Structure formats: structure tokens, C-alpha cells
């Protein structure tokens, strides 16, 4: 069974656009990639879990196709946490499981 992937941008609370991919249906899982990583690093997990769950990956700010703000003030651990919350809110999710790797 092949599940179609939906691609969209979510606007973070500070206006930065974050690229997202959603695959599957069910309870949502948001996968957060590591520093200098890529949302596609979760492909194996998405392929498996999307059979029963709505799997969401996103590209962190600073890494295209998400926006790349020029100001150093646009980057911090607190901002990264806010981005996760903004993705969840921007996709209209009431709640989600969050899975991270390294800084994710």
C-alpha cells in the first residue's frame, strides 16, 4: 500500500516558513531531525509508522526548502522548540507524539 505524501509550508510564530511533509493517517507523530540533518533522514521510520500513524517531518529553519533567516537572533534552542509547537499548531493538531534525534 502506497500512502501519498502531502507537502505544505507552516508559518512559525515569527513569520519564518517551515517546509513540512505529512504521510499516513491516525494519531500524529512529528519527527524532528538533528542539527545539520534533513527531514528525509526519517524516511525509514515514516515508511513504517505511516501504516498506522500520521507521520510529519519538517525541515528546520536555516535549511531549504524552509526559510533561511539571516539574523543570528532567529536561531536558538528555545526557537527550535517553538518551531515544533508552531508546526503542530500550524497543521491544526490538538496534540502529537514528538520524536527527536540529537538536538531534535
Protein backbone atom coordinates (compact mmCIF):
# COMPACT_ATOMS: atom_id res chain seq x y z
CA UNK A 1 0.00 0.00 0.00
CA UNK A 2 1.40 3.38 -1.01
CA UNK A 3 0.46 6.41 1.05
CA UNK A 4 0.57 9.81 -0.62
CA UNK A 5 2.73 12.47 0.97
CA UNK A 6 1.29 15.95 1.43
CA UNK A 7 3.71 18.87 1.29
CA UNK A 8 2.97 22.24 2.85
CA UNK A 9 4.56 25.25 4.48
CA UNK A 10 3.70 26.27 8.03
CA UNK A 11 4.37 29.82 9.17
CA UNK A 12 6.18 29.93 12.51
CA UNK A 13 5.10 32.49 15.10
CA UNK A 14 7.96 34.79 13.99
CA UNK A 15 6.96 34.59 10.31
CA UNK A 16 9.54 32.04 9.12
CA UNK A 17 8.12 29.46 6.68
CA UNK A 18 8.83 25.83 7.61
CA UNK A 19 8.53 23.08 4.98
CA UNK A 20 6.53 20.03 6.12
CA UNK A 21 5.67 16.61 4.75
CA UNK A 22 2.77 14.52 6.07
CA UNK A 23 2.27 10.84 5.28
CA UNK A 24 -0.39 8.45 6.59
CA UNK A 25 -3.42 8.72 8.83
CA UNK A 26 -4.04 8.26 12.53
CA UNK A 27 -2.51 9.74 15.66
CA UNK A 28 0.17 12.26 14.62
CA UNK A 29 3.89 11.75 15.14
CA UNK A 30 6.20 14.72 14.49
CA UNK A 31 9.78 13.69 13.65
CA UNK A 32 12.44 16.34 14.37
CA UNK A 33 15.79 15.98 12.61
CA UNK A 34 19.21 16.63 14.10
CA UNK A 35 21.38 19.70 13.62
CA UNK A 36 22.76 19.77 10.07
CA UNK A 37 20.39 16.93 9.27
CA UNK A 38 17.43 16.72 6.94
CA UNK A 39 13.78 15.77 7.28
CA UNK A 40 14.35 12.90 4.82
CA UNK A 41 16.57 11.19 7.41
CA UNK A 42 13.30 9.88 8.89
CA UNK A 43 12.24 8.13 5.66
CA UNK A 44 12.56 4.59 7.05
CA UNK A 45 10.55 5.44 10.17
CA UNK A 46 7.91 7.29 8.14
CA UNK A 47 7.56 4.37 5.73
CA UNK A 48 6.94 2.00 8.66
CA UNK A 49 4.83 4.13 11.01
CA UNK A 50 2.68 5.75 8.31
CA UNK A 51 0.82 2.44 8.06
CA UNK A 52 -0.96 3.36 11.31
CA UNK A 53 0.02 6.94 12.15
CA UNK A 54 0.05 10.39 10.58
CA UNK A 55 3.79 10.99 10.21
CA UNK A 56 5.00 14.56 9.96
CA UNK A 57 8.52 15.65 9.15
CA UNK A 58 9.70 19.19 8.67
CA UNK A 59 12.85 20.92 7.58
CA UNK A 60 14.25 23.10 10.35
CA UNK A 61 14.76 26.81 9.77
CA UNK A 62 18.05 27.55 8.13
CA UNK A 63 17.81 24.54 5.82
CA UNK A 64 16.00 24.88 2.47
CA UNK A 65 13.28 24.43 1.43
CA UNK A 66 12.39 26.11 4.77
CA UNK A 67 13.27 29.78 5.11
CA UNK A 68 16.85 30.74 5.98
CA UNK A 69 16.73 33.83 8.21
CA UNK A 70 19.88 35.94 8.05
CA UNK A 71 19.75 37.17 11.66
CA UNK A 72 21.55 35.09 14.29
CA UNK A 73 18.72 36.07 16.65
CA UNK A 74 16.44 33.77 14.62
CA UNK A 75 18.26 30.67 15.90
CA UNK A 76 18.28 29.15 19.40
CA UNK A 77 17.20 26.02 21.23
CA UNK A 78 14.15 27.90 22.51
CA UNK A 79 13.29 28.92 18.94
CA UNK A 80 13.71 25.31 17.78
CA UNK A 81 11.23 24.21 20.48
CA UNK A 82 8.84 26.97 19.42
CA UNK A 83 9.10 25.76 15.81
CA UNK A 84 7.96 22.28 16.87
CA UNK A 85 4.94 23.82 18.62
CA UNK A 86 4.29 26.04 15.59
CA UNK A 87 4.32 23.02 13.23
CA UNK A 88 1.84 21.19 15.48
CA UNK A 89 -0.42 24.27 15.69
CA UNK A 90 0.01 25.18 12.02
CA UNK A 91 -1.14 21.74 10.92
CA UNK A 92 -4.20 22.02 13.16
CA UNK A 93 -3.21 19.21 15.52
CA UNK A 94 -4.63 19.13 19.05
CA UNK A 95 -1.69 17.02 20.21
CA UNK A 96 1.11 14.91 18.76
CA UNK A 97 3.87 12.50 19.70
CA UNK A 98 7.26 14.16 19.14
CA UNK A 99 10.32 12.10 18.23
CA UNK A 100 13.71 13.78 18.03
CA UNK A 101 17.31 12.94 17.33
CA UNK A 102 20.32 14.80 18.71
CA UNK A 103 19.12 18.42 19.00
CA UNK A 104 15.68 17.39 17.66
